[in-house]
C-alpha atoms as a PDB file:
ATOM      1  CA  MET A   1       0.000   0.000   0.000  1.00  0.00           C
ATOM      2  CA  ILE A   2       1.436   3.358  -1.067  1.00  0.00           C
ATOM      3  CA  THR A   3       0.148   6.578   0.495  1.00  0.00           C
ATOM      4  CA  ARG A   4       0.810   9.881  -1.241  1.00  0.00           C
ATOM      5  CA  PRO A   5       2.728  12.229   1.077  1.00  0.00           C
ATOM      6  CA  ILE A   6       1.006  15.451   2.143  1.00  0.00           C
ATOM      7  CA  ALA A   7       3.311  18.408   2.821  1.00  0.00           C
ATOM      8  CA  GLY A   8       3.835  18.878   6.545  1.00  0.00           C
ATOM      9  CA  LEU A   9       2.325  15.496   7.461  1.00  0.00           C
ATOM     10  CA  THR A  10       5.200  13.091   7.902  1.00  0.00           C
ATOM     11  CA  GLY A  11       3.358  10.293   9.670  1.00  0.00           C
ATOM     12  CA  PRO A  12       4.715   7.148  11.335  1.00  0.00           C
ATOM     13  CA  VAL A  13       6.686   4.406   9.602  1.00  0.00           C
ATOM     14  CA  LEU A  14       4.083   1.940   8.360  1.00  0.00           C
ATOM     15  CA  THR A  15       4.448  -1.770   8.999  1.00  0.00           C
ATOM     16  CA  ALA A  16       3.187  -4.999   7.412  1.00  0.00           C
ATOM     17  CA  THR A  17      -0.322  -6.121   8.307  1.00  0.00           C
ATOM     18  CA  VAL A  18      -2.372  -9.301   8.424  1.00  0.00           C
ATOM     19  CA  SER A  19      -6.096  -9.453   7.663  1.00  0.00           C
ATOM     20  CA  VAL A  20      -8.406 -12.345   8.547  1.00  0.00           C
ATOM     21  CA  LYS A  21     -12.011 -12.836   7.423  1.00  0.00           C
ATOM     22  CA  PRO A  22     -14.646 -13.942   7.939  1.00  0.00           C
ATOM     23  CA  LEU A  23     -14.555 -14.309  11.687  1.00  0.00           C
ATOM     24  CA  VAL A  24     -18.088 -15.419  12.526  1.00  0.00           C
ATOM     25  CA  LEU A  25     -19.951 -14.399  15.688  1.00  0.00           C
ATOM     26  CA  SER A  26     -23.265 -16.031  16.507  1.00  0.00           C
ATOM     27  CA  ALA A  27     -26.057 -13.426  16.688  1.00  0.00           C
ATOM     28  CA  PRO A  28     -29.420 -15.199  16.723  1.00  0.00           C
ATOM     29  CA  GLU A  29     -31.449 -12.085  17.573  1.00  0.00           C
ATOM     30  CA  ARG A  30     -30.389 -10.340  14.329  1.00  0.00           C
ATOM     31  CA  GLY A  31     -31.344 -13.352  12.182  1.00  0.00           C
ATOM     32  CA  GLU A  32     -27.880 -13.623  10.593  1.00  0.00           C
ATOM     33  CA  ASP A  33     -24.470 -14.505  11.978  1.00  0.00           C
ATOM     34  CA  LEU A  34     -22.230 -11.452  12.303  1.00  0.00           C
ATOM     35  CA  HIS A  35     -19.291 -11.637   9.876  1.00  0.00           C
ATOM     36  CA  VAL A  36     -16.191  -9.692  10.868  1.00  0.00           C
ATOM     37  CA  ARG A  37     -12.845  -8.791   9.320  1.00  0.00           C
ATOM     38  CA  LEU A  38      -9.877  -8.057  11.585  1.00  0.00           C
ATOM     39  CA  THR A  39      -6.764  -6.298  10.245  1.00  0.00           C
ATOM     40  CA  ALA A  40      -3.714  -5.799  12.459  1.00  0.00           C
ATOM     41  CA  PRO A  41       0.002  -4.999  12.300  1.00  0.00           C
ATOM     42  CA  THR A  42       2.280  -8.032  12.355  1.00  0.00           C
ATOM     43  CA  ILE A  43       4.468  -6.498  15.086  1.00  0.00           C
ATOM     44  CA  GLY A  44       3.911  -4.469  18.229  1.00  0.00           C
ATOM     45  CA  THR A  45       2.181  -4.923  21.568  1.00  0.00           C
ATOM     46  CA  CYS A  46      -0.517  -3.028  23.505  1.00  0.00           C
ATOM     47  CA  LEU A  47      -2.201  -2.290  20.166  1.00  0.00           C
ATOM     48  CA  PRO A  48      -5.236   0.061  20.360  1.00  0.00           C
ATOM     49  CA  VAL A  49      -8.464  -0.913  18.597  1.00  0.00           C
ATOM     50  CA  VAL A  50     -10.676   0.790  16.004  1.00  0.00           C
ATOM     51  CA  VAL A  51     -14.160  -0.639  15.464  1.00  0.00           C
ATOM     52  CA  PHE A  52     -15.384   0.630  12.099  1.00  0.00           C
ATOM     53  CA  ALA A  53     -18.981   0.840  10.828  1.00  0.00           C
ATOM     54  CA  HIS A  54     -19.419   0.932   7.049  1.00  0.00           C
ATOM     55  CA  GLY A  55     -21.787   3.171   5.103  1.00  0.00           C
ATOM     56  CA  PHE A  56     -25.228   2.044   3.933  1.00  0.00           C
ATOM     57  CA  GLY A  57     -24.981  -1.003   1.669  1.00  0.00           C
ATOM     58  CA  SER A  58     -21.263  -1.694   2.086  1.00  0.00           C
ATOM     59  CA  ASP A  59     -19.643  -4.624   3.928  1.00  0.00           C
ATOM     60  CA  LEU A  60     -16.514  -5.823   5.751  1.00  0.00           C
ATOM     61  CA  ASP A  61     -14.478  -5.662   2.539  1.00  0.00           C
ATOM     62  CA  GLY A  62     -15.009  -1.936   2.048  1.00  0.00           C
ATOM     63  CA  TYR A  63     -12.884   1.038   3.119  1.00  0.00           C
ATOM     64  CA  ALA A  64      -9.509  -0.632   2.539  1.00  0.00           C
ATOM     65  CA  PRO A  65      -7.756   2.755   2.115  1.00  0.00           C
ATOM     66  CA  LEU A  66      -8.605   3.555   5.744  1.00  0.00           C
ATOM     67  CA  ALA A  67      -8.546   0.128   7.397  1.00  0.00           C
ATOM     68  CA  ASP A  68      -5.207  -0.868   5.859  1.00  0.00           C
ATOM     69  CA  HIS A  69      -3.604   2.496   6.640  1.00  0.00           C
ATOM     70  CA  TRP A  70      -4.716   2.494  10.273  1.00  0.00           C
ATOM     71  CA  ALA A  71      -3.552  -1.085  10.771  1.00  0.00           C
ATOM     72  CA  ALA A  72      -0.186  -0.324   9.161  1.00  0.00           C
ATOM     73  CA  GLY A  73       0.077   2.588  11.599  1.00  0.00           C
ATOM     74  CA  GLY A  74      -0.284   0.393  14.676  1.00  0.00           C
ATOM     75  CA  PHE A  75      -4.025  -0.254  15.190  1.00  0.00           C
ATOM     76  CA  VAL A  76      -6.226  -3.332  15.263  1.00  0.00           C
ATOM     77  CA  VAL A  77      -9.109  -2.525  12.894  1.00  0.00           C
ATOM     78  CA  ILE A  78     -12.347  -4.508  13.132  1.00  0.00           C
ATOM     79  CA  GLN A  79     -15.068  -4.252  10.476  1.00  0.00           C
ATOM     80  CA  ALA A  80     -18.441  -5.982  10.352  1.00  0.00           C
ATOM     81  CA  THR A  81     -21.031  -6.572   7.650  1.00  0.00           C
ATOM     82  CA  HIS A  82     -24.196  -4.882   8.924  1.00  0.00           C
ATOM     83  CA  LEU A  83     -27.740  -5.911   7.990  1.00  0.00           C
ATOM     84  CA  ASP A  84     -28.162  -3.095   5.458  1.00  0.00           C
ATOM     85  CA  SER A  85     -25.319  -4.524   3.345  1.00  0.00           C
ATOM     86  CA  GLN A  86     -26.109  -5.268  -0.298  1.00  0.00           C
ATOM     87  CA  ARG A  87     -24.305  -8.537   0.330  1.00  0.00           C
ATOM     88  CA  LEU A  88     -27.193  -9.703   2.550  1.00  0.00           C
ATOM     89  CA  ALA A  89     -29.935  -8.265   0.303  1.00  0.00           C
ATOM     90  CA  LEU A  90     -32.735  -8.142   2.857  1.00  0.00           C
ATOM     91  CA  PRO A  91     -36.162  -8.053   1.204  1.00  0.00           C
ATOM     92  CA  VAL A  92     -37.881  -4.656   1.162  1.00  0.00           C
ATOM     93  CA  ASP A  93     -40.563  -5.884   3.552  1.00  0.00           C
ATOM     94  CA  ASP A  94     -38.111  -7.469   6.000  1.00  0.00           C
ATOM     95  CA  PRO A  95     -39.308  -6.510   9.525  1.00  0.00           C
ATOM     96  CA  ARG A  96     -35.718  -5.781  10.573  1.00  0.00           C
ATOM     97  CA  ARG A  97     -35.348  -2.859   8.147  1.00  0.00           C
ATOM     98  CA  PRO A  98     -36.835  -0.127  10.401  1.00  0.00           C
ATOM     99  CA  ARG A  99     -34.394  -1.184  13.146  1.00  0.00           C
ATOM    100  CA  MET A 100     -31.245  -1.310  11.007  1.00  0.00           C
ATOM    101  CA  TRP A 101     -29.739   1.642  12.890  1.00  0.00           C
ATOM    102  CA  ARG A 102     -30.219  -0.214  16.196  1.00  0.00           C
ATOM    103  CA  TYR A 103     -28.895  -3.556  14.912  1.00  0.00           C
ATOM    104  CA  ARG A 104     -25.725  -1.749  13.830  1.00  0.00           C
ATOM    105  CA  VAL A 105     -25.089  -0.542  17.380  1.00  0.00           C
ATOM    106  CA  GLN A 106     -25.718  -4.055  18.686  1.00  0.00           C
ATOM    107  CA  ASP A 107     -23.217  -5.400  16.132  1.00  0.00           C
ATOM    108  CA  MET A 108     -20.534  -3.043  17.439  1.00  0.00           C
ATOM    109  CA  ARG A 109     -21.257  -3.933  21.058  1.00  0.00           C
ATOM    110  CA  ARG A 110     -21.110  -7.643  20.218  1.00  0.00           C
ATOM    111  CA  ILE A 111     -17.669  -7.124  18.690  1.00  0.00           C
ATOM    112  CA  LEU A 112     -16.512  -5.464  21.908  1.00  0.00           C
ATOM    113  CA  ASP A 113     -18.052  -8.267  23.982  1.00  0.00           C
ATOM    114  CA  GLU A 114     -16.196 -10.850  21.886  1.00  0.00           C
ATOM    115  CA  LEU A 115     -12.928  -8.946  21.524  1.00  0.00           C
ATOM    116  CA  SER A 116     -10.851 -11.576  23.320  1.00  0.00           C
ATOM    117  CA  ALA A 117     -12.237 -14.358  21.112  1.00  0.00           C
ATOM    118  CA  LEU A 118     -11.616 -12.320  17.953  1.00  0.00           C
ATOM    119  CA  GLU A 119      -8.060 -11.584  19.072  1.00  0.00           C
ATOM    120  CA  ALA A 120      -7.395 -15.265  19.713  1.00  0.00           C
ATOM    121  CA  SER A 121      -8.703 -16.152  16.229  1.00  0.00           C
ATOM    122  CA  VAL A 122      -5.891 -14.314  14.449  1.00  0.00           C
ATOM    123  CA  PRO A 123      -2.541 -16.142  14.397  1.00  0.00           C
ATOM    124  CA  GLY A 124       0.111 -14.254  16.350  1.00  0.00           C
ATOM    125  CA  LEU A 125      -2.248 -11.571  17.712  1.00  0.00           C
ATOM    126  CA  ASP A 126      -3.343 -13.075  21.019  1.00  0.00           C
ATOM    127  CA  GLY A 127      -2.034 -11.035  23.965  1.00  0.00           C
ATOM    128  CA  ARG A 128      -1.014  -8.028  21.838  1.00  0.00           C
ATOM    129  CA  VAL A 129      -4.276  -6.021  21.967  1.00  0.00           C
ATOM    130  CA  ASP A 130      -5.005  -3.216  24.432  1.00  0.00           C
ATOM    131  CA  HIS A 131      -8.668  -3.594  25.403  1.00  0.00           C
ATOM    132  CA  THR A 132      -8.666  -0.268  27.271  1.00  0.00           C
ATOM    133  CA  ARG A 133      -8.025   1.919  24.191  1.00  0.00           C
ATOM    134  CA  ILE A 134     -10.945   1.594  21.776  1.00  0.00           C
ATOM    135  CA  VAL A 135     -12.117   4.158  19.207  1.00  0.00           C
ATOM    136  CA  ALA A 136     -15.364   3.889  17.226  1.00  0.00           C
ATOM    137  CA  ALA A 137     -15.247   5.132  13.625  1.00  0.00           C
ATOM    138  CA  GLY A 138     -17.650   5.114  10.709  1.00  0.00           C
ATOM    139  CA  HIS A 139     -18.579   6.674   7.386  1.00  0.00           C
ATOM    140  CA  SER A 140     -22.032   8.035   6.469  1.00  0.00           C
ATOM    141  CA  PHE A 141     -24.618   5.736   8.142  1.00  0.00           C
ATOM    142  CA  GLY A 142     -21.639   4.262  10.001  1.00  0.00           C
ATOM    143  CA  GLY A 143     -20.803   7.695  11.386  1.00  0.00           C
ATOM    144  CA  GLN A 144     -24.152   7.702  13.161  1.00  0.00           C
ATOM    145  CA  THR A 145     -23.363   4.231  14.526  1.00  0.00           C
ATOM    146  CA  ALA A 146     -20.011   5.426  15.898  1.00  0.00           C
ATOM    147  CA  GLY A 147     -21.666   8.557  17.298  1.00  0.00           C
ATOM    148  CA  ILE A 148     -24.291   6.549  19.192  1.00  0.00           C
ATOM    149  CA  LEU A 149     -21.518   4.614  20.943  1.00  0.00           C
ATOM    150  CA  VAL A 150     -20.205   7.891  22.415  1.00  0.00           C
ATOM    151  CA  GLY A 151     -23.543   9.457  23.336  1.00  0.00           C
ATOM    152  CA  LEU A 152     -25.509  10.512  20.239  1.00  0.00           C
ATOM    153  CA  ARG A 153     -29.213  10.120  21.046  1.00  0.00           C
ATOM    154  CA  VAL A 154     -31.449   8.917  18.224  1.00  0.00           C
ATOM    155  CA  THR A 155     -35.210   9.007  18.701  1.00  0.00           C
ATOM    156  CA  ASP A 156     -36.482   5.531  17.874  1.00  0.00           C
ATOM    157  CA  PRO A 157     -39.060   6.027  15.083  1.00  0.00           C
ATOM    158  CA  GLU A 158     -41.104   3.100  16.439  1.00  0.00           C
ATOM    159  CA  THR A 159     -41.191   3.994  20.146  1.00  0.00           C
ATOM    160  CA  GLY A 160     -40.571   7.737  20.109  1.00  0.00           C
ATOM    161  CA  VAL A 161     -37.920   7.283  22.817  1.00  0.00           C
ATOM    162  CA  ALA A 162     -34.306   8.488  22.601  1.00  0.00           C
ATOM    163  CA  GLU A 163     -32.270   6.030  24.662  1.00  0.00           C
ATOM    164  CA  ASP A 164     -28.688   6.316  25.806  1.00  0.00           C
ATOM    165  CA  LEU A 165     -26.988   3.505  23.865  1.00  0.00           C
ATOM    166  CA  SER A 166     -23.434   4.686  24.508  1.00  0.00           C
ATOM    167  CA  ASP A 167     -20.719   2.246  25.527  1.00  0.00           C
ATOM    168  CA  ALA A 168     -18.190   3.194  28.218  1.00  0.00           C
ATOM    169  CA  ARG A 169     -15.559   0.980  26.558  1.00  0.00           C
ATOM    170  CA  VAL A 170     -15.316   3.459  23.658  1.00  0.00           C
ATOM    171  CA  MET A 171     -13.003   6.378  24.446  1.00  0.00           C
ATOM    172  CA  ALA A 172     -13.420   8.519  21.294  1.00  0.00           C
ATOM    173  CA  SER A 173     -14.943   8.598  17.816  1.00  0.00           C
ATOM    174  CA  ILE A 174     -14.183   9.449  14.204  1.00  0.00           C
ATOM    175  CA  GLN A 175     -17.271  10.369  12.162  1.00  0.00           C
ATOM    176  CA  LEU A 176     -16.743  10.718   8.418  1.00  0.00           C
ATOM    177  CA  ALA A 177     -19.301  12.451   6.171  1.00  0.00           C
ATOM    178  CA  THR A 178     -22.174  11.606   8.455  1.00  0.00           C
ATOM    179  CA  ALA A 179     -25.653  13.027   9.060  1.00  0.00           C
ATOM    180  CA  GLY A 180     -26.511  16.188  10.947  1.00  0.00           C
ATOM    181  CA  LYS A 181     -29.620  16.982  12.948  1.00  0.00           C
ATOM    182  CA  GLY A 182     -33.005  16.078  11.560  1.00  0.00           C
ATOM    183  CA  GLY A 183     -36.290  17.923  11.900  1.00  0.00           C
ATOM    184  CA  ASP A 184     -37.331  20.291   9.126  1.00  0.00           C
ATOM    185  CA  GLU A 185     -33.794  20.186   7.669  1.00  0.00           C
ATOM    186  CA  LEU A 186     -34.474  16.739   6.187  1.00  0.00           C
ATOM    187  CA  THR A 187     -35.741  16.358   2.644  1.00  0.00           C
ATOM    188  CA  PRO A 188     -39.063  14.500   2.218  1.00  0.00           C
ATOM    189  CA  PHE A 189     -37.101  11.524   0.846  1.00  0.00           C
ATOM    190  CA  ALA A 190     -34.933  11.286   3.982  1.00  0.00           C
ATOM    191  CA  TYR A 191     -37.892  11.804   6.307  1.00  0.00           C
ATOM    192  CA  ASP A 192     -39.874   8.995   4.685  1.00  0.00           C
ATOM    193  CA  ASN A 193     -37.097   6.481   3.991  1.00  0.00           C
ATOM    194  CA  LEU A 194     -34.558   7.061   6.777  1.00  0.00           C
ATOM    195  CA  PRO A 195     -36.728   7.617   9.865  1.00  0.00           C
ATOM    196  CA  TRP A 196     -33.749   7.179  12.212  1.00  0.00           C
ATOM    197  CA  LEU A 197     -32.488  10.582  11.019  1.00  0.00           C
ATOM    198  CA  ARG A 198     -35.639  12.485  12.031  1.00  0.00           C
ATOM    199  CA  ASP A 199     -34.424  13.457  15.478  1.00  0.00           C
ATOM    200  CA  GLN A 200     -30.743  13.306  16.429  1.00  0.00           C
ATOM    201  CA  ASP A 201     -29.423  14.936  19.604  1.00  0.00           C
ATOM    202  CA  PHE A 202     -25.654  15.563  19.670  1.00  0.00           C
ATOM    203  CA  SER A 203     -25.658  17.451  22.978  1.00  0.00           C
ATOM    204  CA  HIS A 204     -24.915  14.351  25.076  1.00  0.00           C
ATOM    205  CA  ILE A 205     -21.653  13.591  23.255  1.00  0.00           C
ATOM    206  CA  THR A 206     -18.800  14.583  25.556  1.00  0.00           C
ATOM    207  CA  ALA A 207     -16.158  12.050  24.481  1.00  0.00           C
ATOM    208  CA  PRO A 208     -13.358  13.367  22.236  1.00  0.00           C
ATOM    209  CA  GLY A 209     -14.021  13.120  18.524  1.00  0.00           C
ATOM    210  CA  LEU A 210     -12.839  13.954  15.025  1.00  0.00           C
ATOM    211  CA  VAL A 211     -15.427  14.865  12.393  1.00  0.00           C
ATOM    212  CA  VAL A 212     -14.458  14.762   8.706  1.00  0.00           C
ATOM    213  CA  ALA A 213     -16.673  16.663   6.252  1.00  0.00           C
ATOM    214  CA  GLY A 214     -16.395  17.426   2.541  1.00  0.00           C
ATOM    215  CA  ASP A 215     -17.321  20.982   1.597  1.00  0.00           C
ATOM    216  CA  LYS A 216     -18.968  19.700  -1.609  1.00  0.00           C
ATOM    217  CA  ASP A 217     -20.915  16.886   0.083  1.00  0.00           C
ATOM    218  CA  ASP A 218     -24.357  18.006  -1.104  1.00  0.00           C
ATOM    219  CA  LEU A 219     -26.482  15.046  -0.003  1.00  0.00           C
ATOM    220  CA  PRO A 220     -30.105  14.569  -1.127  1.00  0.00           C
ATOM    221  CA  LEU A 221     -31.023  14.060   2.546  1.00  0.00           C
ATOM    222  CA  THR A 222     -30.954  17.653   3.739  1.00  0.00           C
ATOM    223  CA  THR A 223     -31.939  21.137   2.602  1.00  0.00           C
ATOM    224  CA  ARG A 224     -28.873  22.669   4.273  1.00  0.00           C
ATOM    225  CA  GLY A 225     -26.161  21.531   1.907  1.00  0.00           C
ATOM    226  CA  PRO A 226     -22.649  20.369   2.871  1.00  0.00           C
ATOM    227  CA  ALA A 227     -22.641  22.257   6.210  1.00  0.00           C
ATOM    228  CA  TRP A 228     -25.079  19.613   7.532  1.00  0.00           C
ATOM    229  CA  THR A 229     -22.303  17.024   7.876  1.00  0.00           C
ATOM    230  CA  ALA A 230     -20.381  19.292  10.281  1.00  0.00           C
ATOM    231  CA  ASP A 231     -23.214  19.124  12.872  1.00  0.00           C
ATOM    232  CA  PRO A 232     -21.543  16.328  14.883  1.00  0.00           C
ATOM    233  CA  TYR A 233     -18.723  18.835  15.488  1.00  0.00           C
ATOM    234  CA  THR A 234     -20.711  22.023  16.016  1.00  0.00           C
ATOM    235  CA  LEU A 235     -23.503  20.534  18.152  1.00  0.00           C
ATOM    236  CA  SER A 236     -21.562  18.140  20.414  1.00  0.00           C
ATOM    237  CA  HIS A 237     -19.562  19.015  23.502  1.00  0.00           C
ATOM    238  CA  GLY A 238     -16.094  18.228  24.783  1.00  0.00           C
ATOM    239  CA  ASN A 239     -12.798  18.118  22.939  1.00  0.00           C
ATOM    240  CA  LYS A 240     -13.698  18.026  19.230  1.00  0.00           C
ATOM    241  CA  SER A 241     -11.881  18.562  15.932  1.00  0.00           C
ATOM    242  CA  LEU A 242     -13.185  19.108  12.400  1.00  0.00           C
ATOM    243  CA  LEU A 243     -11.317  18.292   9.196  1.00  0.00           C
ATOM    244  CA  THR A 244     -12.961  20.016   6.224  1.00  0.00           C
ATOM    245  CA  VAL A 245     -11.864  18.390   2.964  1.00  0.00           C
ATOM    246  CA  HIS A 246     -11.826  21.006   0.215  1.00  0.00           C
ATOM    247  CA  GLY A 247     -13.648  19.781  -2.867  1.00  0.00           C
ATOM    248  CA  GLY A 248     -14.622  16.600  -1.040  1.00  0.00           C
ATOM    249  CA  GLU A 249     -17.933  14.950  -1.870  1.00  0.00           C
ATOM    250  CA  HIS A 250     -19.551  12.131   0.095  1.00  0.00           C
ATOM    251  CA  PHE A 251     -16.776   9.579  -0.385  1.00  0.00           C
ATOM    252  CA  LEU A 252     -14.029  12.104   0.304  1.00  0.00           C
ATOM    253  CA  GLY A 253     -12.007  11.227  -2.779  1.00  0.00           C
ATOM    254  CA  GLY A 254     -12.481   7.451  -2.529  1.00  0.00           C
ATOM    255  CA  ILE A 255     -12.184   6.257   1.083  1.00  0.00           C
ATOM    256  CA  SER A 256     -14.547   3.340   0.457  1.00  0.00           C
ATOM    257  CA  GLY A 257     -12.129   1.929  -2.117  1.00  0.00           C
ATOM    258  CA  TYR A 258     -10.277   3.254  -5.127  1.00  0.00           C
ATOM    259  CA  ARG A 259     -12.369   3.087  -8.308  1.00  0.00           C
ATOM    260  CA  SER A 260     -15.504   2.181  -6.354  1.00  0.00           C
ATOM    261  CA  ALA A 261     -18.544   2.967  -8.479  1.00  0.00           C
ATOM    262  CA  GLU A 262     -20.078   5.227  -5.820  1.00  0.00           C
ATOM    263  CA  THR A 263     -17.064   7.564  -5.686  1.00  0.00           C
ATOM    264  CA  THR A 264     -17.981  10.721  -7.593  1.00  0.00           C
ATOM    265  CA  ASP A 265     -14.876  12.747  -6.671  1.00  0.00           C
ATOM    266  CA  GLU A 266     -12.024  10.254  -7.048  1.00  0.00           C
ATOM    267  CA  ASN A 267      -8.890  12.020  -5.881  1.00  0.00           C
ATOM    268  CA  PRO A 268      -5.843  10.260  -4.350  1.00  0.00           C
ATOM    269  CA  ASP A 269      -4.723  13.456  -2.609  1.00  0.00           C
ATOM    270  CA  ARG A 270      -8.007  13.744  -0.729  1.00  0.00           C
ATOM    271  CA  VAL A 271      -7.812  10.098   0.306  1.00  0.00           C
ATOM    272  CA  ALA A 272      -4.217  10.580   1.484  1.00  0.00           C
ATOM    273  CA  LEU A 273      -5.269  13.624   3.497  1.00  0.00           C
ATOM    274  CA  VAL A 274      -8.041  11.698   5.245  1.00  0.00           C
ATOM    275  CA  GLN A 275      -5.740   8.713   5.819  1.00  0.00           C
ATOM    276  CA  GLN A 276      -2.982  10.752   7.384  1.00  0.00           C
ATOM    277  CA  VAL A 277      -5.098  13.091   9.502  1.00  0.00           C
ATOM    278  CA  THR A 278      -7.285  10.284  10.874  1.00  0.00           C
ATOM    279  CA  LEU A 279      -4.235   8.182  11.741  1.00  0.00           C
ATOM    280  CA  ALA A 280      -2.588  11.189  13.395  1.00  0.00           C
ATOM    281  CA  TYR A 281      -5.774  11.708  15.400  1.00  0.00           C
ATOM    282  CA  LEU A 282      -5.946   8.047  16.418  1.00  0.00           C
ATOM    283  CA  ARG A 283      -2.349   8.148  17.627  1.00  0.00           C
ATOM    284  CA  HIS A 284      -3.009  11.410  19.482  1.00  0.00           C
ATOM    285  CA  ILE A 285      -6.259  10.398  21.189  1.00  0.00           C
ATOM    286  CA  THR A 286      -4.967   6.972  22.293  1.00  0.00           C
ATOM    287  CA  GLY A 287      -1.784   8.505  23.712  1.00  0.00           C
ATOM    288  CA  THR A 288       0.437   6.677  21.219  1.00  0.00           C
ATOM    289  CA  ASP A 289       2.126   9.770  19.779  1.00  0.00           C
ATOM    290  CA  GLN A 290       1.417  13.508  19.673  1.00  0.00           C
ATOM    291  CA  THR A 291       3.859  14.620  16.967  1.00  0.00           C
ATOM    292  CA  ASP A 292       1.769  13.716  13.908  1.00  0.00           C
ATOM    293  CA  TRP A 293      -1.304  15.506  15.282  1.00  0.00           C
ATOM    294  CA  ASP A 294       0.708  18.628  16.067  1.00  0.00           C
ATOM    295  CA  ASN A 295       2.103  18.522  12.518  1.00  0.00           C
ATOM    296  CA  ALA A 296      -1.389  18.139  11.067  1.00  0.00           C
ATOM    297  CA  GLN A 297      -2.732  21.109  13.008  1.00  0.00           C
ATOM    298  CA  ALA A 298       0.160  23.276  11.847  1.00  0.00           C
ATOM    299  CA  ALA A 299       0.006  22.125   8.216  1.00  0.00           C
ATOM    300  CA  LEU A 300      -3.754  22.523   7.824  1.00  0.00           C
ATOM    301  CA  THR A 301      -4.342  26.079   9.016  1.00  0.00           C
ATOM    302  CA  GLU A 302      -4.070  27.267   5.412  1.00  0.00           C
ATOM    303  CA  ASN A 303      -3.907  24.421   2.895  1.00  0.00           C
ATOM    304  CA  PRO A 304      -5.510  23.884  -0.525  1.00  0.00           C
ATOM    305  CA  LEU A 305      -6.487  20.319   0.430  1.00  0.00           C
ATOM    306  CA  GLY A 306      -8.269  20.965   3.702  1.00  0.00           C
ATOM    307  CA  HIS A 307      -8.649  22.832   6.969  1.00  0.00           C
ATOM    308  CA  LEU A 308      -8.345  21.471  10.518  1.00  0.00           C
ATOM    309  CA  GLU A 309      -9.881  23.213  13.521  1.00  0.00           C
ATOM    310  CA  SER A 310     -10.613  22.264  17.120  1.00  0.00           C
ATOM    311  CA  LYS A 311     -12.780  23.435  19.981  1.00  0.00           C
END
């Protein structure tokens, strides 16, 4: 894997990785076993963990530009195939569809519950994982999933109740190109077809987080335009950072996979920017190294590729 260098962002020396799939976790209540991919560096101990939630329709094989880069930088990356995946092709009238957002959170919690078993399933990894340093990350629909694990409250469209579904094992989050608040800012299409976006409350999020937003990410889900995807930064509390990717559309240059059909703004420089800043953030927030994050903050005050700010 070759990552294009971004001026001012040196980054750590990357190492070889191993990836194992499918690791299968029994999950009778979701109606399908949970299939998981685990990618990890071949060397190192006390490795922090990233649990990653894919965007709507994707699966455990997506987002290689991020998963491989984070693993090569010293992290154990765990990806699941959620029920909304095209790979599972649930029928339109499947009764689980209205609860897809909730099943995703349960998937992530199950991974954390079974972390020791997953670790032991990968040759050479057992005993090298730090279970106390866990970050939740996700893109698009997956960004909501990661946000819920650190305190985002979603009003259940079936019950009308907004529960606290956060998980104390998760120390921070990375939300990439994800949804903002709902209400009258949703388009009729989003209101009717994605009811879990109707009422999102970011005010309970106090864990540290990095939000990544493209300034050309004009989704058909909101009337507000690209600024909508910065809501997880502007409306949450605590120590937050926002990376705005200049010219970035929903897939931020191709983070779901180079040449993926859904990428409308394929750009290796944008992908490299997201790779390097997210890895720098992961190393910063887990206490692994501060240098890369300091470099990123200095390099991205005025930069044609993007802007990084914190509050």
